[in-house]
Amino acid sequence: MFGLPGGMEWVILAIIALLVFGGSRLANAGKNAGKAIREFKEETSSLKKTDTPPAVPPSRPVAEPEGIVHEGEIVPDEKDKGQRA
């Protein structure tokens, strides 16, 4: 029942817009819209050209930080030096 306007509906809408806004305003609006679309396309294409993958620094071996205890590992406590069990 309610869908997108077809061919004749677009003509009626264009005539109503012409009567309400006038020809010069509609021409300026169309020119400004075209200019905005053109600028947008230029900016996106320039971003695509300059978009380079980030430089990956050379990988170095990852050393485990001190103090990490793995499961099942027995770590002597420094406070217990000199004491016997």
C-alpha atoms as a PDB file:
ATOM      1  CA  MET A   1       0.000   0.000   0.000  1.00  0.00           C
ATOM      2  CA  PHE A   2       2.670   2.502   1.040  1.00  0.00           C
ATOM      3  CA  GLY A   3       5.884   2.022  -0.886  1.00  0.00           C
ATOM      4  CA  LEU A   4       8.544   4.062  -2.573  1.00  0.00           C
ATOM      5  CA  PRO A   5       7.242   6.682  -4.996  1.00  0.00           C
ATOM      6  CA  GLY A   6       7.071   5.622  -8.614  1.00  0.00           C
ATOM      7  CA  GLY A   7       7.607   7.683 -11.791  1.00  0.00           C
ATOM      8  CA  MET A   8       4.537   9.929 -11.677  1.00  0.00           C
ATOM      9  CA  GLU A   9       4.867  10.522  -7.926  1.00  0.00           C
ATOM     10  CA  TRP A  10       8.426  11.821  -8.411  1.00  0.00           C
ATOM     11  CA  VAL A  11       7.179  14.292 -11.023  1.00  0.00           C
ATOM     12  CA  ILE A  12       4.477  15.567  -8.668  1.00  0.00           C
ATOM     13  CA  LEU A  13       6.991  15.886  -5.805  1.00  0.00           C
ATOM     14  CA  ALA A  14       9.405  17.802  -8.071  1.00  0.00           C
ATOM     15  CA  ILE A  15       6.656  20.243  -9.115  1.00  0.00           C
ATOM     16  CA  ILE A  16       5.633  20.827  -5.481  1.00  0.00           C
ATOM     17  CA  ALA A  17       9.274  21.408  -4.467  1.00  0.00           C
ATOM     18  CA  LEU A  18       9.723  23.836  -7.362  1.00  0.00           C
ATOM     19  CA  LEU A  19       6.650  25.792  -6.314  1.00  0.00           C
ATOM     20  CA  VAL A  20       7.622  25.883  -2.633  1.00  0.00           C
ATOM     21  CA  PHE A  21      11.341  26.644  -2.872  1.00  0.00           C
ATOM     22  CA  GLY A  22      11.732  28.218  -6.300  1.00  0.00           C
ATOM     23  CA  GLY A  23      14.088  27.315  -9.124  1.00  0.00           C
ATOM     24  CA  SER A  24      17.181  29.190  -7.957  1.00  0.00           C
ATOM     25  CA  ARG A  25      17.136  27.654  -4.477  1.00  0.00           C
ATOM     26  CA  LEU A  26      16.734  24.136  -5.858  1.00  0.00           C
ATOM     27  CA  ALA A  27      19.561  24.731  -8.362  1.00  0.00           C
ATOM     28  CA  ASN A  28      21.865  25.963  -5.582  1.00  0.00           C
ATOM     29  CA  ALA A  29      20.916  23.031  -3.356  1.00  0.00           C
ATOM     30  CA  GLY A  30      21.719  20.567  -6.151  1.00  0.00           C
ATOM     31  CA  LYS A  31      25.030  22.283  -6.889  1.00  0.00           C
ATOM     32  CA  ASN A  32      26.017  22.253  -3.220  1.00  0.00           C
ATOM     33  CA  ALA A  33      25.042  18.599  -2.858  1.00  0.00           C
ATOM     34  CA  GLY A  34      27.145  17.654  -5.883  1.00  0.00           C
ATOM     35  CA  LYS A  35      30.086  19.651  -4.538  1.00  0.00           C
ATOM     36  CA  ALA A  36      29.845  17.944  -1.149  1.00  0.00           C
ATOM     37  CA  ILE A  37      29.715  14.479  -2.733  1.00  0.00           C
ATOM     38  CA  ARG A  38      32.727  15.280  -4.942  1.00  0.00           C
ATOM     39  CA  GLU A  39      34.780  16.526  -1.961  1.00  0.00           C
ATOM     40  CA  PHE A  40      33.839  13.431   0.033  1.00  0.00           C
ATOM     41  CA  LYS A  41      34.975  11.127  -2.775  1.00  0.00           C
ATOM     42  CA  GLU A  42      38.268  13.028  -3.145  1.00  0.00           C
ATOM     43  CA  GLU A  43      39.001  12.794   0.578  1.00  0.00           C
ATOM     44  CA  THR A  44      38.199   9.085   0.795  1.00  0.00           C
ATOM     45  CA  SER A  45      40.330   8.297  -2.257  1.00  0.00           C
ATOM     46  CA  SER A  46      43.249  10.315  -0.838  1.00  0.00           C
ATOM     47  CA  LEU A  47      42.935   8.411   2.444  1.00  0.00           C
ATOM     48  CA  LYS A  48      43.035   5.107   0.574  1.00  0.00           C
ATOM     49  CA  LYS A  49      46.168   6.180  -1.336  1.00  0.00           C
ATOM     50  CA  THR A  50      48.058   7.303   1.776  1.00  0.00           C
ATOM     51  CA  ASP A  51      46.838   4.431   3.928  1.00  0.00           C
ATOM     52  CA  THR A  52      49.835   2.158   4.373  1.00  0.00           C
ATOM     53  CA  PRO A  53      50.096  -0.755   6.750  1.00  0.00           C
ATOM     54  CA  PRO A  54      51.816   0.176  10.000  1.00  0.00           C
ATOM     55  CA  ALA A  55      55.443  -0.784  10.302  1.00  0.00           C
ATOM     56  CA  VAL A  56      55.843  -3.829  12.500  1.00  0.00           C
ATOM     57  CA  PRO A  57      58.829  -3.559  14.818  1.00  0.00           C
ATOM     58  CA  PRO A  58      61.197  -6.530  14.778  1.00  0.00           C
ATOM     59  CA  SER A  59      60.073  -9.152  17.191  1.00  0.00           C
ATOM     60  CA  ARG A  60      62.267  -9.947  20.163  1.00  0.00           C
ATOM     61  CA  PRO A  61      62.061 -12.994  22.308  1.00  0.00           C
ATOM     62  CA  VAL A  62      59.737 -12.496  25.205  1.00  0.00           C
ATOM     63  CA  ALA A  63      61.424 -13.220  28.493  1.00  0.00           C
ATOM     64  CA  GLU A  64      59.347 -14.138  31.487  1.00  0.00           C
ATOM     65  CA  PRO A  65      59.431 -11.528  34.203  1.00  0.00           C
ATOM     66  CA  GLU A  66      61.057 -12.486  37.459  1.00  0.00           C
ATOM     67  CA  GLY A  67      58.871 -13.784  40.210  1.00  0.00           C
ATOM     68  CA  ILE A  68      56.535 -15.899  38.101  1.00  0.00           C
ATOM     69  CA  VAL A  69      56.016 -19.330  39.596  1.00  0.00           C
ATOM     70  CA  HIS A  70      54.804 -22.144  37.417  1.00  0.00           C
ATOM     71  CA  GLU A  71      52.576 -24.896  38.745  1.00  0.00           C
ATOM     72  CA  GLY A  72      54.501 -27.561  40.617  1.00  0.00           C
ATOM     73  CA  GLU A  73      57.648 -25.458  40.964  1.00  0.00           C
ATOM     74  CA  ILE A  74      59.180 -25.181  44.422  1.00  0.00           C
ATOM     75  CA  VAL A  75      60.542 -21.740  45.122  1.00  0.00           C
ATOM     76  CA  PRO A  76      62.612 -21.159  48.265  1.00  0.00           C
ATOM     77  CA  ASP A  77      61.646 -18.134  50.258  1.00  0.00           C
ATOM     78  CA  GLU A  78      64.479 -15.653  50.800  1.00  0.00           C
ATOM     79  CA  LYS A  79      63.447 -15.191  54.437  1.00  0.00           C
ATOM     80  CA  ASP A  80      64.093 -18.861  55.149  1.00  0.00           C
ATOM     81  CA  LYS A  81      67.836 -18.746  54.345  1.00  0.00           C
ATOM     82  CA  GLY A  82      69.843 -20.484  56.999  1.00  0.00           C
ATOM     83  CA  GLN A  83      66.904 -22.296  58.519  1.00  0.00           C
ATOM     84  CA  ARG A  84      66.509 -26.031  58.294  1.00  0.00           C
ATOM     85  CA  ALA A  85      63.348 -27.946  58.033  1.00  0.00           C
END
